[in-house]
Amino acid sequence: MAKITAESREAFTQESAKYKELIKGVFAKEKEIKAELQKDKTDEAAKKLQLADLMLYAVTLYITINNLSVEMLGVKNEENLNEGRKTIYKAIIYLEELVSNIIDTTADDLKECWEKLEGIPIDKRYYLSRKLGLAIELIMDAYGDNTKWKWSFVELQGRFITVSKNMLNMTEASKDYFDGRAENHDVAVYYMRMLKTRLLKSAEGYRDRYELSTRRADDMRSGIQYLLAYRRLLIILGDANEAEEVKKKAQVWKDKMEADIKKEKQKA
C-alpha cells in the first residue's frame, strides 16, 4: 500500500466535507420529523417511511465517503462504513416500529399494521424495500469478504426481508398477483419474487451461521422461522408441492438442532 501523504489526506478531507454536510442535514431532518411525531401521530406511517428513506440516503453518503477514501488514499474508511452499517439498522427499526419484527406471521397478525399503511401505495413500499436491500449489499461489498461483521450481516438481511414482507398486504397483493389486468399486477409479482428469494436466503444464512459460526440454537430457530415464512408465501402463491418440501426441510432442520442440543447436554 502506498504511503498516504499529507496532500492526499487534505484533498480527501476537502472532497468528503460536502458529503459530511449532507449527512448532518439528513440527521437534522430526522430530528425535525421525530419532533413532529411526538406532537402529532397523524400520518405516522408516511413519516416513518420517510425516516427510513432518509436513513438510506445517509447510508449512500457514508458509502460515497468510503469510496473516496479507497480512490484517493487507497484504504477503506472503516469509520464511515461502521456509521453506514449502524444507520441501516436505524432504517430497519423505523420500519419495525410500523410492522413489527415477527418473522412468520399470519394476515391476522398484521391486520393492524396494514391498516396503518393503507394510504401507502404498494409500489412505494416495494421501492423502499429494494433500496434497503441494495444499501445492505453495498455496505457488504464495501467491507469485503474478510470482515468481522460477516455473520452479523445475516441478521441485517433477515430483518430487512422481515419488514419488507410485513409491509406487504398479502391479502390484496395476492389478488393483484393472480390478476394480470390489475393495476398493481406487475409490482405485486416483483415484490413476491423478491420475498421468495430473500426469505429462503435468510433461512439458509441463519442455518450457515449456526453450522459454521455460533452453534447457537436460536440461530437455527430463526432459520426455521424463515423457512416457515417462505412456506406460508408459497401456499399463498398456490405452490403446494414446494410448500410441502419446505415443510419437510424445516422438520429436518429442527431434528438436527434438537439432536445437537442433546449431544451438548450429554457432553456437559
C-alpha atoms as a PDB file:
ATOM      1  CA  MET A   1       0.000   0.000   0.000  1.00  0.00           C
ATOM      2  CA  ALA A   2       1.332   3.425  -0.998  1.00  0.00           C
ATOM      3  CA  LYS A   3       2.088   5.891   1.774  1.00  0.00           C
ATOM      4  CA  ILE A   4      -0.703   8.369   2.460  1.00  0.00           C
ATOM      5  CA  THR A   5       0.701  11.853   2.017  1.00  0.00           C
ATOM      6  CA  ALA A   6      -0.406  15.000   3.794  1.00  0.00           C
ATOM      7  CA  GLU A   7      -1.520  16.378   0.431  1.00  0.00           C
ATOM      8  CA  SER A   8      -3.713  13.384  -0.423  1.00  0.00           C
ATOM      9  CA  ARG A   9      -5.222  13.374   3.070  1.00  0.00           C
ATOM     10  CA  GLU A  10      -6.047  17.076   2.787  1.00  0.00           C
ATOM     11  CA  ALA A  11      -7.588  16.535  -0.638  1.00  0.00           C
ATOM     12  CA  PHE A  12      -9.734  13.718   0.769  1.00  0.00           C
ATOM     13  CA  THR A  13     -10.793  15.868   3.726  1.00  0.00           C
ATOM     14  CA  GLN A  14     -11.903  18.656   1.412  1.00  0.00           C
ATOM     15  CA  GLU A  15     -13.687  16.358  -1.025  1.00  0.00           C
ATOM     16  CA  SER A  16     -15.522  14.429   1.692  1.00  0.00           C
ATOM     17  CA  ALA A  17     -16.555  17.570   3.582  1.00  0.00           C
ATOM     18  CA  LYS A  18     -19.543  18.251   1.324  1.00  0.00           C
ATOM     19  CA  TYR A  19     -20.891  14.742   1.928  1.00  0.00           C
ATOM     20  CA  LYS A  20     -20.454  15.131   5.664  1.00  0.00           C
ATOM     21  CA  GLU A  21     -22.515  18.315   5.485  1.00  0.00           C
ATOM     22  CA  LEU A  22     -25.247  16.456   3.656  1.00  0.00           C
ATOM     23  CA  ILE A  23     -25.200  13.783   6.365  1.00  0.00           C
ATOM     24  CA  LYS A  24     -25.634  16.474   9.014  1.00  0.00           C
ATOM     25  CA  GLY A  25     -28.613  17.747   7.057  1.00  0.00           C
ATOM     26  CA  VAL A  26     -30.155  14.277   6.977  1.00  0.00           C
ATOM     27  CA  PHE A  27     -29.953  13.867  10.737  1.00  0.00           C
ATOM     28  CA  ALA A  28     -31.262  17.379  11.298  1.00  0.00           C
ATOM     29  CA  LYS A  29     -34.287  16.470   9.157  1.00  0.00           C
ATOM     30  CA  GLU A  30     -34.667  13.221  11.096  1.00  0.00           C
ATOM     31  CA  LYS A  31     -34.760  15.155  14.360  1.00  0.00           C
ATOM     32  CA  GLU A  32     -37.377  17.505  12.924  1.00  0.00           C
ATOM     33  CA  ILE A  33     -39.676  14.682  11.782  1.00  0.00           C
ATOM     34  CA  LYS A  34     -39.349  12.859  15.106  1.00  0.00           C
ATOM     35  CA  ALA A  35     -40.296  16.058  16.926  1.00  0.00           C
ATOM     36  CA  GLU A  36     -43.369  16.342  14.703  1.00  0.00           C
ATOM     37  CA  LEU A  37     -44.333  12.751  15.513  1.00  0.00           C
ATOM     38  CA  GLN A  38     -44.065  13.394  19.234  1.00  0.00           C
ATOM     39  CA  LYS A  39     -46.580  16.216  18.896  1.00  0.00           C
ATOM     40  CA  ASP A  40     -48.916  14.577  16.385  1.00  0.00           C
ATOM     41  CA  LYS A  41     -49.193  10.936  15.271  1.00  0.00           C
ATOM     42  CA  THR A  42     -51.117  11.911  12.123  1.00  0.00           C
ATOM     43  CA  ASP A  43     -49.553  10.313   9.035  1.00  0.00           C
ATOM     44  CA  GLU A  44     -47.267   8.257  11.284  1.00  0.00           C
ATOM     45  CA  ALA A  45     -46.792   5.575   8.640  1.00  0.00           C
ATOM     46  CA  ALA A  46     -45.788   8.047   5.924  1.00  0.00           C
ATOM     47  CA  LYS A  47     -43.380   9.781   8.286  1.00  0.00           C
ATOM     48  CA  LYS A  48     -41.793   6.526   9.458  1.00  0.00           C
ATOM     49  CA  LEU A  49     -41.262   5.532   5.832  1.00  0.00           C
ATOM     50  CA  GLN A  50     -39.771   8.965   5.208  1.00  0.00           C
ATOM     51  CA  LEU A  51     -37.419   8.474   8.159  1.00  0.00           C
ATOM     52  CA  ALA A  52     -36.325   5.081   6.823  1.00  0.00           C
ATOM     53  CA  ASP A  53     -35.753   6.605   3.392  1.00  0.00           C
ATOM     54  CA  LEU A  54     -33.696   9.414   4.898  1.00  0.00           C
ATOM     55  CA  MET A  55     -31.511   6.900   6.712  1.00  0.00           C
ATOM     56  CA  LEU A  56     -30.885   5.050   3.464  1.00  0.00           C
ATOM     57  CA  TYR A  57     -29.852   8.308   1.807  1.00  0.00           C
ATOM     58  CA  ALA A  58     -27.376   8.844   4.646  1.00  0.00           C
ATOM     59  CA  VAL A  59     -26.034   5.328   4.057  1.00  0.00           C
ATOM     60  CA  THR A  60     -25.286   6.178   0.423  1.00  0.00           C
ATOM     61  CA  LEU A  61     -23.362   9.241   1.608  1.00  0.00           C
ATOM     62  CA  TYR A  62     -21.286   7.181   4.052  1.00  0.00           C
ATOM     63  CA  ILE A  63     -20.541   4.710   1.253  1.00  0.00           C
ATOM     64  CA  THR A  64     -19.535   7.587  -1.038  1.00  0.00           C
ATOM     65  CA  ILE A  65     -17.041   8.838   1.539  1.00  0.00           C
ATOM     66  CA  ASN A  66     -15.607   5.344   1.840  1.00  0.00           C
ATOM     67  CA  ASN A  67     -15.305   5.100  -1.946  1.00  0.00           C
ATOM     68  CA  LEU A  68     -13.463   8.424  -1.985  1.00  0.00           C
ATOM     69  CA  SER A  69     -11.090   7.111   0.675  1.00  0.00           C
ATOM     70  CA  VAL A  70     -10.361   3.993  -1.384  1.00  0.00           C
ATOM     71  CA  GLU A  71      -9.858   6.065  -4.526  1.00  0.00           C
ATOM     72  CA  MET A  72      -7.799   8.905  -3.033  1.00  0.00           C
ATOM     73  CA  LEU A  73      -5.993   7.223  -0.130  1.00  0.00           C
ATOM     74  CA  GLY A  74      -6.008   3.580  -1.111  1.00  0.00           C
ATOM     75  CA  VAL A  75      -7.675   2.442   2.140  1.00  0.00           C
ATOM     76  CA  LYS A  76     -11.193   1.726   3.335  1.00  0.00           C
ATOM     77  CA  ASN A  77     -12.727   4.251   5.685  1.00  0.00           C
ATOM     78  CA  GLU A  78     -13.907   1.944   8.466  1.00  0.00           C
ATOM     79  CA  GLU A  79     -15.388   4.803  10.467  1.00  0.00           C
ATOM     80  CA  ASN A  80     -17.848   5.737   7.727  1.00  0.00           C
ATOM     81  CA  LEU A  81     -18.613   2.121   6.870  1.00  0.00           C
ATOM     82  CA  ASN A  82     -19.466   1.475  10.511  1.00  0.00           C
ATOM     83  CA  GLU A  83     -21.695   4.548  10.598  1.00  0.00           C
ATOM     84  CA  GLY A  84     -23.378   3.368   7.412  1.00  0.00           C
ATOM     85  CA  ARG A  85     -23.989  -0.076   8.877  1.00  0.00           C
ATOM     86  CA  LYS A  86     -25.468   1.415  12.050  1.00  0.00           C
ATOM     87  CA  THR A  87     -27.662   3.721  10.002  1.00  0.00           C
ATOM     88  CA  ILE A  88     -29.121   0.773   8.095  1.00  0.00           C
ATOM     89  CA  TYR A  89     -30.206  -0.624  11.452  1.00  0.00           C
ATOM     90  CA  LYS A  90     -31.914   2.702  12.181  1.00  0.00           C
ATOM     91  CA  ALA A  91     -33.835   2.475   8.903  1.00  0.00           C
ATOM     92  CA  ILE A  92     -34.943  -1.062   9.745  1.00  0.00           C
ATOM     93  CA  ILE A  93     -36.002  -0.096  13.264  1.00  0.00           C
ATOM     94  CA  TYR A  94     -38.261   2.663  11.913  1.00  0.00           C
ATOM     95  CA  LEU A  95     -39.971   0.056   9.750  1.00  0.00           C
ATOM     96  CA  GLU A  96     -40.137  -2.491  12.580  1.00  0.00           C
ATOM     97  CA  GLU A  97     -41.948   0.117  14.657  1.00  0.00           C
ATOM     98  CA  LEU A  98     -44.615   0.146  11.946  1.00  0.00           C
ATOM     99  CA  VAL A  99     -44.945  -3.509  11.014  1.00  0.00           C
ATOM    100  CA  SER A 100     -43.165  -5.484  13.778  1.00  0.00           C
ATOM    101  CA  ASN A 101     -40.144  -7.783  13.543  1.00  0.00           C
ATOM    102  CA  ILE A 102     -42.112 -11.051  13.679  1.00  0.00           C
ATOM    103  CA  ILE A 103     -40.788 -13.447  11.040  1.00  0.00           C
ATOM    104  CA  ASP A 104     -43.562 -15.981  10.461  1.00  0.00           C
ATOM    105  CA  THR A 105     -46.870 -14.119  10.572  1.00  0.00           C
ATOM    106  CA  THR A 106     -50.479 -14.594   9.524  1.00  0.00           C
ATOM    107  CA  ALA A 107     -52.738 -11.980   7.946  1.00  0.00           C
ATOM    108  CA  ASP A 108     -54.472 -11.567  11.310  1.00  0.00           C
ATOM    109  CA  ASP A 109     -51.127 -10.837  12.989  1.00  0.00           C
ATOM    110  CA  LEU A 110     -50.506  -7.945  10.604  1.00  0.00           C
ATOM    111  CA  LYS A 111     -54.021  -6.592  10.148  1.00  0.00           C
ATOM    112  CA  GLU A 112     -53.421  -3.507  12.306  1.00  0.00           C
ATOM    113  CA  CYS A 113     -50.049  -2.846  10.645  1.00  0.00           C
ATOM    114  CA  TRP A 114     -51.595  -2.991   7.185  1.00  0.00           C
ATOM    115  CA  GLU A 115     -54.317  -0.586   8.279  1.00  0.00           C
ATOM    116  CA  LYS A 116     -51.641   1.956   9.215  1.00  0.00           C
ATOM    117  CA  LEU A 117     -50.107   1.597   5.751  1.00  0.00           C
ATOM    118  CA  GLU A 118     -53.400   1.679   3.878  1.00  0.00           C
ATOM    119  CA  GLY A 119     -52.666   5.003   2.201  1.00  0.00           C
ATOM    120  CA  ILE A 120     -49.150   3.996   1.093  1.00  0.00           C
ATOM    121  CA  PRO A 121     -49.123   2.594  -2.478  1.00  0.00           C
ATOM    122  CA  ILE A 122     -47.630  -0.859  -2.951  1.00  0.00           C
ATOM    123  CA  ASP A 123     -45.033   0.458  -5.394  1.00  0.00           C
ATOM    124  CA  LYS A 124     -43.711   2.899  -2.788  1.00  0.00           C
ATOM    125  CA  ARG A 125     -43.340   0.069  -0.265  1.00  0.00           C
ATOM    126  CA  TYR A 126     -41.633  -2.106  -2.880  1.00  0.00           C
ATOM    127  CA  TYR A 127     -39.122   0.527  -3.974  1.00  0.00           C
ATOM    128  CA  LEU A 128     -38.245   1.344  -0.362  1.00  0.00           C
ATOM    129  CA  SER A 129     -37.656  -2.365   0.254  1.00  0.00           C
ATOM    130  CA  ARG A 130     -35.432  -2.567  -2.810  1.00  0.00           C
ATOM    131  CA  LYS A 131     -33.443   0.461  -1.668  1.00  0.00           C
ATOM    132  CA  LEU A 132     -32.965  -1.116   1.738  1.00  0.00           C
ATOM    133  CA  GLY A 133     -31.762  -4.375   0.217  1.00  0.00           C
ATOM    134  CA  LEU A 134     -29.398  -2.527  -2.107  1.00  0.00           C
ATOM    135  CA  ALA A 135     -27.961  -0.460   0.753  1.00  0.00           C
ATOM    136  CA  ILE A 136     -27.144  -3.656   2.636  1.00  0.00           C
ATOM    137  CA  GLU A 137     -25.487  -5.176  -0.427  1.00  0.00           C
ATOM    138  CA  LEU A 138     -23.410  -2.030  -0.992  1.00  0.00           C
ATOM    139  CA  ILE A 139     -22.241  -1.974   2.636  1.00  0.00           C
ATOM    140  CA  MET A 140     -21.347  -5.657   2.493  1.00  0.00           C
ATOM    141  CA  ASP A 141     -19.415  -5.174  -0.736  1.00  0.00           C
ATOM    142  CA  ALA A 142     -17.582  -2.172   0.717  1.00  0.00           C
ATOM    143  CA  TYR A 143     -16.479  -4.148   3.785  1.00  0.00           C
ATOM    144  CA  GLY A 144     -15.337  -7.067   1.642  1.00  0.00           C
ATOM    145  CA  ASP A 145     -15.318 -10.790   2.400  1.00  0.00           C
ATOM    146  CA  ASN A 146     -12.803 -10.747   5.245  1.00  0.00           C
ATOM    147  CA  THR A 147     -14.760  -8.641   7.690  1.00  0.00           C
ATOM    148  CA  LYS A 148     -15.582  -9.305  11.328  1.00  0.00           C
ATOM    149  CA  TRP A 149     -19.170  -8.289  10.516  1.00  0.00           C
ATOM    150  CA  LYS A 150     -19.688 -11.197   8.114  1.00  0.00           C
ATOM    151  CA  TRP A 151     -22.108 -13.123  10.294  1.00  0.00           C
ATOM    152  CA  SER A 152     -23.885 -10.029  11.625  1.00  0.00           C
ATOM    153  CA  PHE A 153     -24.989  -9.341   8.060  1.00  0.00           C
ATOM    154  CA  VAL A 154     -27.139 -12.475   8.278  1.00  0.00           C
ATOM    155  CA  GLU A 155     -29.242 -10.722  10.914  1.00  0.00           C
ATOM    156  CA  LEU A 156     -29.281  -7.479   8.930  1.00  0.00           C
ATOM    157  CA  GLN A 157     -30.551  -9.225   5.811  1.00  0.00           C
ATOM    158  CA  GLY A 158     -33.074 -11.194   7.829  1.00  0.00           C
ATOM    159  CA  ARG A 159     -34.517  -8.128   9.499  1.00  0.00           C
ATOM    160  CA  PHE A 160     -34.650  -6.385   6.133  1.00  0.00           C
ATOM    161  CA  ILE A 161     -36.735  -9.085   4.480  1.00  0.00           C
ATOM    162  CA  THR A 162     -38.942  -9.432   7.557  1.00  0.00           C
ATOM    163  CA  VAL A 163     -40.052  -5.789   7.447  1.00  0.00           C
ATOM    164  CA  SER A 164     -40.335  -5.948   3.663  1.00  0.00           C
ATOM    165  CA  LYS A 165     -42.671  -8.932   3.984  1.00  0.00           C
ATOM    166  CA  ASN A 166     -44.670  -7.394   6.789  1.00  0.00           C
ATOM    167  CA  MET A 167     -45.187  -4.142   4.855  1.00  0.00           C
ATOM    168  CA  LEU A 168     -46.964  -6.033   2.080  1.00  0.00           C
ATOM    169  CA  ASN A 169     -50.689  -6.627   2.489  1.00  0.00           C
ATOM    170  CA  MET A 170     -50.691 -10.239   1.341  1.00  0.00           C
ATOM    171  CA  THR A 171     -54.467 -10.357   1.030  1.00  0.00           C
ATOM    172  CA  GLU A 172     -54.531  -7.535  -1.504  1.00  0.00           C
ATOM    173  CA  ALA A 173     -51.205  -8.314  -3.165  1.00  0.00           C
ATOM    174  CA  SER A 174     -52.125 -11.956  -3.844  1.00  0.00           C
ATOM    175  CA  LYS A 175     -55.248 -10.795  -5.708  1.00  0.00           C
ATOM    176  CA  ASP A 176     -53.139  -8.444  -7.835  1.00  0.00           C
ATOM    177  CA  TYR A 177     -50.549 -11.195  -8.344  1.00  0.00           C
ATOM    178  CA  PHE A 178     -53.059 -13.542  -9.961  1.00  0.00           C
ATOM    179  CA  ASP A 179     -54.979 -10.881 -11.893  1.00  0.00           C
ATOM    180  CA  GLY A 180     -52.969  -9.925 -14.960  1.00  0.00           C
ATOM    181  CA  ARG A 181     -55.297  -6.963 -15.592  1.00  0.00           C
ATOM    182  CA  ALA A 182     -54.890  -5.488 -12.112  1.00  0.00           C
ATOM    183  CA  GLU A 183     -53.249  -2.056 -11.910  1.00  0.00           C
ATOM    184  CA  ASN A 184     -50.674  -3.328  -9.417  1.00  0.00           C
ATOM    185  CA  HIS A 185     -50.116  -6.747 -11.022  1.00  0.00           C
ATOM    186  CA  ASP A 186     -46.521  -6.145 -12.111  1.00  0.00           C
ATOM    187  CA  VAL A 187     -45.314  -4.666  -8.830  1.00  0.00           C
ATOM    188  CA  ALA A 188     -47.093  -7.426  -6.876  1.00  0.00           C
ATOM    189  CA  VAL A 189     -45.241 -10.033  -8.958  1.00  0.00           C
ATOM    190  CA  TYR A 190     -41.869  -8.307  -8.481  1.00  0.00           C
ATOM    191  CA  TYR A 191     -42.485  -7.876  -4.753  1.00  0.00           C
ATOM    192  CA  MET A 192     -43.472 -11.529  -4.272  1.00  0.00           C
ATOM    193  CA  ARG A 193     -40.453 -12.717  -6.248  1.00  0.00           C
ATOM    194  CA  MET A 194     -38.156 -10.628  -4.078  1.00  0.00           C
ATOM    195  CA  LEU A 195     -39.725 -12.066  -0.923  1.00  0.00           C
ATOM    196  CA  LYS A 196     -39.398 -15.642  -2.165  1.00  0.00           C
ATOM    197  CA  THR A 197     -35.707 -15.224  -2.965  1.00  0.00           C
ATOM    198  CA  ARG A 198     -34.798 -13.318   0.180  1.00  0.00           C
ATOM    199  CA  LEU A 199     -36.792 -15.391   2.681  1.00  0.00           C
ATOM    200  CA  LEU A 200     -35.058 -18.552   1.503  1.00  0.00           C
ATOM    201  CA  LYS A 201     -31.694 -16.772   1.510  1.00  0.00           C
ATOM    202  CA  SER A 202     -32.233 -15.657   5.108  1.00  0.00           C
ATOM    203  CA  ALA A 203     -33.222 -19.168   6.167  1.00  0.00           C
ATOM    204  CA  GLU A 204     -30.039 -20.565   4.651  1.00  0.00           C
ATOM    205  CA  GLY A 205     -27.984 -17.692   6.085  1.00  0.00           C
ATOM    206  CA  TYR A 206     -29.070 -18.456   9.636  1.00  0.00           C
ATOM    207  CA  ARG A 207     -28.510 -22.176   9.060  1.00  0.00           C
ATOM    208  CA  ASP A 208     -24.962 -21.419   7.863  1.00  0.00           C
ATOM    209  CA  ARG A 209     -24.324 -19.099  10.798  1.00  0.00           C
ATOM    210  CA  TYR A 210     -25.412 -21.875  13.151  1.00  0.00           C
ATOM    211  CA  GLU A 211     -23.314 -24.556  11.457  1.00  0.00           C
ATOM    212  CA  LEU A 212     -20.190 -22.524  10.698  1.00  0.00           C
ATOM    213  CA  SER A 213     -20.014 -19.953  13.477  1.00  0.00           C
ATOM    214  CA  THR A 214     -22.215 -19.734  16.548  1.00  0.00           C
ATOM    215  CA  ARG A 215     -23.723 -23.206  17.141  1.00  0.00           C
ATOM    216  CA  ARG A 216     -26.475 -21.269  18.940  1.00  0.00           C
ATOM    217  CA  ALA A 217     -29.900 -22.896  18.826  1.00  0.00           C
ATOM    218  CA  ASP A 218     -31.613 -19.528  18.424  1.00  0.00           C
ATOM    219  CA  ASP A 219     -29.854 -19.099  15.072  1.00  0.00           C
ATOM    220  CA  MET A 220     -31.229 -22.399  13.828  1.00  0.00           C
ATOM    221  CA  ARG A 221     -34.651 -21.484  15.200  1.00  0.00           C
ATOM    222  CA  SER A 222     -34.511 -18.243  13.222  1.00  0.00           C
ATOM    223  CA  GLY A 223     -33.565 -20.220  10.118  1.00  0.00           C
ATOM    224  CA  ILE A 224     -36.575 -22.451  10.653  1.00  0.00           C
ATOM    225  CA  GLN A 225     -38.825 -19.418  11.140  1.00  0.00           C
ATOM    226  CA  TYR A 226     -37.675 -18.013   7.795  1.00  0.00           C
ATOM    227  CA  LEU A 227     -38.344 -21.376   6.165  1.00  0.00           C
ATOM    228  CA  LEU A 228     -41.860 -21.385   7.593  1.00  0.00           C
ATOM    229  CA  ALA A 229     -42.446 -17.807   6.412  1.00  0.00           C
ATOM    230  CA  TYR A 230     -41.217 -18.889   2.976  1.00  0.00           C
ATOM    231  CA  ARG A 231     -43.608 -21.850   3.074  1.00  0.00           C
ATOM    232  CA  ARG A 232     -46.511 -19.585   4.023  1.00  0.00           C
ATOM    233  CA  LEU A 233     -45.741 -17.406   0.992  1.00  0.00           C
ATOM    234  CA  LEU A 234     -45.600 -20.463  -1.284  1.00  0.00           C
ATOM    235  CA  ILE A 235     -49.051 -21.502  -0.078  1.00  0.00           C
ATOM    236  CA  ILE A 236     -50.417 -18.025  -0.823  1.00  0.00           C
ATOM    237  CA  LEU A 237     -48.951 -18.294  -4.330  1.00  0.00           C
ATOM    238  CA  GLY A 238     -50.510 -21.722  -4.846  1.00  0.00           C
ATOM    239  CA  ASP A 239     -47.279 -23.729  -4.919  1.00  0.00           C
ATOM    240  CA  ALA A 240     -48.452 -26.573  -2.713  1.00  0.00           C
ATOM    241  CA  ASN A 241     -45.789 -29.084  -3.783  1.00  0.00           C
ATOM    242  CA  GLU A 242     -42.841 -26.848  -2.990  1.00  0.00           C
ATOM    243  CA  ALA A 243     -44.533 -25.748   0.234  1.00  0.00           C
ATOM    244  CA  GLU A 244     -44.696 -29.396   1.321  1.00  0.00           C
ATOM    245  CA  GLU A 245     -40.992 -29.871   0.539  1.00  0.00           C
ATOM    246  CA  VAL A 246     -40.135 -26.792   2.594  1.00  0.00           C
ATOM    247  CA  LYS A 247     -42.209 -28.150   5.488  1.00  0.00           C
ATOM    248  CA  LYS A 248     -40.139 -31.350   5.384  1.00  0.00           C
ATOM    249  CA  LYS A 249     -36.910 -29.345   5.254  1.00  0.00           C
ATOM    250  CA  ALA A 250     -37.965 -27.326   8.304  1.00  0.00           C
ATOM    251  CA  GLN A 251     -38.564 -30.569  10.203  1.00  0.00           C
ATOM    252  CA  VAL A 252     -35.130 -31.895   9.184  1.00  0.00           C
ATOM    253  CA  TRP A 253     -33.532 -28.706  10.482  1.00  0.00           C
ATOM    254  CA  LYS A 254     -35.485 -28.932  13.718  1.00  0.00           C
ATOM    255  CA  ASP A 255     -34.473 -32.569  14.219  1.00  0.00           C
ATOM    256  CA  LYS A 256     -30.835 -31.658  13.572  1.00  0.00           C
ATOM    257  CA  MET A 257     -30.957 -28.820  16.089  1.00  0.00           C
ATOM    258  CA  GLU A 258     -32.564 -30.987  18.762  1.00  0.00           C
ATOM    259  CA  ALA A 259     -30.010 -33.750  18.167  1.00  0.00           C
ATOM    260  CA  ASP A 260     -27.184 -31.229  18.523  1.00  0.00           C
ATOM    261  CA  ILE A 261     -28.674 -29.906  21.764  1.00  0.00           C
ATOM    262  CA  LYS A 262     -28.934 -33.448  23.114  1.00  0.00           C
ATOM    263  CA  LYS A 263     -25.280 -34.120  22.262  1.00  0.00           C
ATOM    264  CA  GLU A 264     -24.163 -30.960  24.027  1.00  0.00           C
ATOM    265  CA  LYS A 265     -26.097 -31.892  27.145  1.00  0.00           C
ATOM    266  CA  GLN A 266     -24.512 -35.328  27.162  1.00  0.00           C
ATOM    267  CA  LYS A 267     -21.040 -33.760  26.986  1.00  0.00           C
ATOM    268  CA  ALA A 268     -21.754 -31.423  29.915  1.00  0.00           C
END
